[in-house]
């Protein structure tokens, strides 16, 4: 597939401008770099399970963005999907009591 893209799109014939190079560097260094730093900090502070549940909310934010930016209509199916997503995130992150006699420290 990549070979076909190289042949058909011919990306090597494009001219790179200073503005496009600066935009690419900005996105790579600041936006993506800052996002990764925040992600790893959140994993260290809150744990991997809590942090991974934020990936479940990406479709929700994409739905909101498409509704407000390009006037995509919202349907009852979207609301049902949001409710199911929120319920799943709640189930994953809810605090459950450990059975008595089980120590959280394996060395105890």
C-alpha atoms as a PDB file:
ATOM      1  CA  UNK A   1       0.000   0.000   0.000  1.00  0.00           C
ATOM      2  CA  UNK A   2       2.796   2.413   0.839  1.00  0.00           C
ATOM      3  CA  UNK A   3       4.469   1.627  -2.468  1.00  0.00           C
ATOM      4  CA  UNK A   4       1.297   2.562  -4.345  1.00  0.00           C
ATOM      5  CA  UNK A   5       1.055   5.797  -2.356  1.00  0.00           C
ATOM      6  CA  UNK A   6       4.653   6.662  -3.221  1.00  0.00           C
ATOM      7  CA  UNK A   7       4.041   5.990  -6.911  1.00  0.00           C
ATOM      8  CA  UNK A   8       0.637   7.644  -7.238  1.00  0.00           C
ATOM      9  CA  UNK A   9       1.038  10.623  -4.911  1.00  0.00           C
ATOM     10  CA  UNK A  10       4.694  11.356  -5.709  1.00  0.00           C
ATOM     11  CA  UNK A  11       5.481  13.039  -2.379  1.00  0.00           C
ATOM     12  CA  UNK A  12       9.132  13.621  -3.310  1.00  0.00           C
ATOM     13  CA  UNK A  13       8.130  16.182  -5.932  1.00  0.00           C
ATOM     14  CA  UNK A  14       6.548  18.453  -3.311  1.00  0.00           C
ATOM     15  CA  UNK A  15       8.375  21.573  -2.234  1.00  0.00           C
ATOM     16  CA  UNK A  16       8.797  22.071   1.480  1.00  0.00           C
ATOM     17  CA  UNK A  17       8.282  25.631   2.631  1.00  0.00           C
ATOM     18  CA  UNK A  18       9.583  27.162   5.814  1.00  0.00           C
ATOM     19  CA  UNK A  19       6.045  27.581   7.144  1.00  0.00           C
ATOM     20  CA  UNK A  20       5.169  23.909   6.618  1.00  0.00           C
ATOM     21  CA  UNK A  21       8.431  22.819   8.243  1.00  0.00           C
ATOM     22  CA  UNK A  22       7.800  25.081  11.245  1.00  0.00           C
ATOM     23  CA  UNK A  23       4.217  23.814  11.559  1.00  0.00           C
ATOM     24  CA  UNK A  24       5.416  20.211  11.499  1.00  0.00           C
ATOM     25  CA  UNK A  25       8.077  20.906  14.125  1.00  0.00           C
ATOM     26  CA  UNK A  26       5.561  22.739  16.310  1.00  0.00           C
ATOM     27  CA  UNK A  27       3.071  19.879  16.167  1.00  0.00           C
ATOM     28  CA  UNK A  28       5.754  17.291  16.826  1.00  0.00           C
ATOM     29  CA  UNK A  29       7.600  19.064  19.604  1.00  0.00           C
ATOM     30  CA  UNK A  30       4.927  20.972  21.452  1.00  0.00           C
ATOM     31  CA  UNK A  31       1.556  19.382  20.879  1.00  0.00           C
ATOM     32  CA  UNK A  32       2.542  15.730  20.689  1.00  0.00           C
ATOM     33  CA  UNK A  33       5.533  16.079  23.006  1.00  0.00           C
ATOM     34  CA  UNK A  34       3.496  17.836  25.675  1.00  0.00           C
ATOM     35  CA  UNK A  35       0.729  15.250  25.351  1.00  0.00           C
ATOM     36  CA  UNK A  36       3.208  12.408  25.929  1.00  0.00           C
ATOM     37  CA  UNK A  37       4.740  14.151  28.937  1.00  0.00           C
ATOM     38  CA  UNK A  38       1.296  14.636  30.449  1.00  0.00           C
ATOM     39  CA  UNK A  39       0.364  11.030  29.664  1.00  0.00           C
ATOM     40  CA  UNK A  40       3.420   9.599  31.398  1.00  0.00           C
ATOM     41  CA  UNK A  41       2.970  11.934  34.361  1.00  0.00           C
ATOM     42  CA  UNK A  42      -0.658  10.842  34.711  1.00  0.00           C
ATOM     43  CA  UNK A  43       0.373   7.177  34.531  1.00  0.00           C
ATOM     44  CA  UNK A  44       2.910   7.764  37.298  1.00  0.00           C
ATOM     45  CA  UNK A  45       0.439   9.653  39.488  1.00  0.00           C
ATOM     46  CA  UNK A  46      -2.894   7.919  38.875  1.00  0.00           C
ATOM     47  CA  UNK A  47      -1.943   4.527  37.481  1.00  0.00           C
ATOM     48  CA  UNK A  48      -2.240   2.866  34.114  1.00  0.00           C
ATOM     49  CA  UNK A  49      -5.819   1.617  34.439  1.00  0.00           C
ATOM     50  CA  UNK A  50      -7.231   5.042  35.294  1.00  0.00           C
ATOM     51  CA  UNK A  51      -5.171   6.702  32.565  1.00  0.00           C
ATOM     52  CA  UNK A  52      -6.170   4.176  29.907  1.00  0.00           C
ATOM     53  CA  UNK A  53      -9.861   4.894  30.443  1.00  0.00           C
ATOM     54  CA  UNK A  54      -9.381   8.317  28.865  1.00  0.00           C
ATOM     55  CA  UNK A  55      -8.920   6.611  25.499  1.00  0.00           C
ATOM     56  CA  UNK A  56     -12.564   5.503  25.769  1.00  0.00           C
ATOM     57  CA  UNK A  57     -13.626   9.154  25.664  1.00  0.00           C
ATOM     58  CA  UNK A  58     -11.912   9.995  22.358  1.00  0.00           C
ATOM     59  CA  UNK A  59     -14.980   9.083  20.245  1.00  0.00           C
ATOM     60  CA  UNK A  60     -17.134  11.236  22.532  1.00  0.00           C
ATOM     61  CA  UNK A  61     -14.936  14.295  21.983  1.00  0.00           C
ATOM     62  CA  UNK A  62     -14.769  13.570  18.258  1.00  0.00           C
ATOM     63  CA  UNK A  63     -18.563  13.431  18.206  1.00  0.00           C
ATOM     64  CA  UNK A  64     -18.820  16.770  19.999  1.00  0.00           C
ATOM     65  CA  UNK A  65     -16.232  18.361  17.727  1.00  0.00           C
ATOM     66  CA  UNK A  66     -17.998  17.149  14.588  1.00  0.00           C
ATOM     67  CA  UNK A  67     -21.323  18.407  15.900  1.00  0.00           C
ATOM     68  CA  UNK A  68     -20.099  21.881  16.800  1.00  0.00           C
ATOM     69  CA  UNK A  69     -17.520  22.395  14.035  1.00  0.00           C
ATOM     70  CA  UNK A  70     -19.179  20.887  10.974  1.00  0.00           C
ATOM     71  CA  UNK A  71     -22.815  20.630  12.132  1.00  0.00           C
ATOM     72  CA  UNK A  72     -23.074  16.849  12.156  1.00  0.00           C
ATOM     73  CA  UNK A  73     -26.474  15.808  13.528  1.00  0.00           C
ATOM     74  CA  UNK A  74     -26.686  14.008  16.859  1.00  0.00           C
ATOM     75  CA  UNK A  75     -28.872  10.923  17.099  1.00  0.00           C
ATOM     76  CA  UNK A  76     -30.219   8.739  19.902  1.00  0.00           C
ATOM     77  CA  UNK A  77     -27.563   6.149  18.962  1.00  0.00           C
ATOM     78  CA  UNK A  78     -24.867   8.650  19.866  1.00  0.00           C
ATOM     79  CA  UNK A  79     -26.433   9.238  23.287  1.00  0.00           C
ATOM     80  CA  UNK A  80     -26.699   5.486  23.850  1.00  0.00           C
ATOM     81  CA  UNK A  81     -23.046   5.043  22.928  1.00  0.00           C
ATOM     82  CA  UNK A  82     -22.021   7.792  25.326  1.00  0.00           C
ATOM     83  CA  UNK A  83     -24.021   6.201  28.153  1.00  0.00           C
ATOM     84  CA  UNK A  84     -22.473   2.784  27.475  1.00  0.00           C
ATOM     85  CA  UNK A  85     -18.987   4.317  27.345  1.00  0.00           C
ATOM     86  CA  UNK A  86     -19.483   6.169  30.626  1.00  0.00           C
ATOM     87  CA  UNK A  87     -20.867   3.029  32.264  1.00  0.00           C
ATOM     88  CA  UNK A  88     -17.857   1.021  31.116  1.00  0.00           C
ATOM     89  CA  UNK A  89     -15.427   3.639  32.403  1.00  0.00           C
ATOM     90  CA  UNK A  90     -17.260   3.681  35.732  1.00  0.00           C
ATOM     91  CA  UNK A  91     -17.154  -0.120  35.996  1.00  0.00           C
ATOM     92  CA  UNK A  92     -13.432  -0.177  35.349  1.00  0.00           C
ATOM     93  CA  UNK A  93     -12.570   2.561  37.833  1.00  0.00           C
ATOM     94  CA  UNK A  94     -15.017   1.861  40.647  1.00  0.00           C
ATOM     95  CA  UNK A  95     -13.584   1.008  44.006  1.00  0.00           C
ATOM     96  CA  UNK A  96     -14.415  -2.482  45.074  1.00  0.00           C
ATOM     97  CA  UNK A  97     -13.728  -3.790  48.515  1.00  0.00           C
ATOM     98  CA  UNK A  98     -11.147  -6.512  48.743  1.00  0.00           C
ATOM     99  CA  UNK A  99     -12.247  -9.747  50.406  1.00  0.00           C
ATOM    100  CA  UNK A 100     -11.284  -9.993  54.048  1.00  0.00           C
ATOM    101  CA  UNK A 101      -7.994 -11.681  54.697  1.00  0.00           C
ATOM    102  CA  UNK A 102      -6.408 -10.507  51.471  1.00  0.00           C
ATOM    103  CA  UNK A 103      -3.474  -8.190  51.978  1.00  0.00           C
ATOM    104  CA  UNK A 104      -2.652  -5.599  49.312  1.00  0.00           C
ATOM    105  CA  UNK A 105       1.043  -6.186  50.003  1.00  0.00           C
ATOM    106  CA  UNK A 106       2.178  -9.614  48.676  1.00  0.00           C
ATOM    107  CA  UNK A 107       5.047  -9.686  51.190  1.00  0.00           C
ATOM    108  CA  UNK A 108       2.703  -9.540  54.187  1.00  0.00           C
END
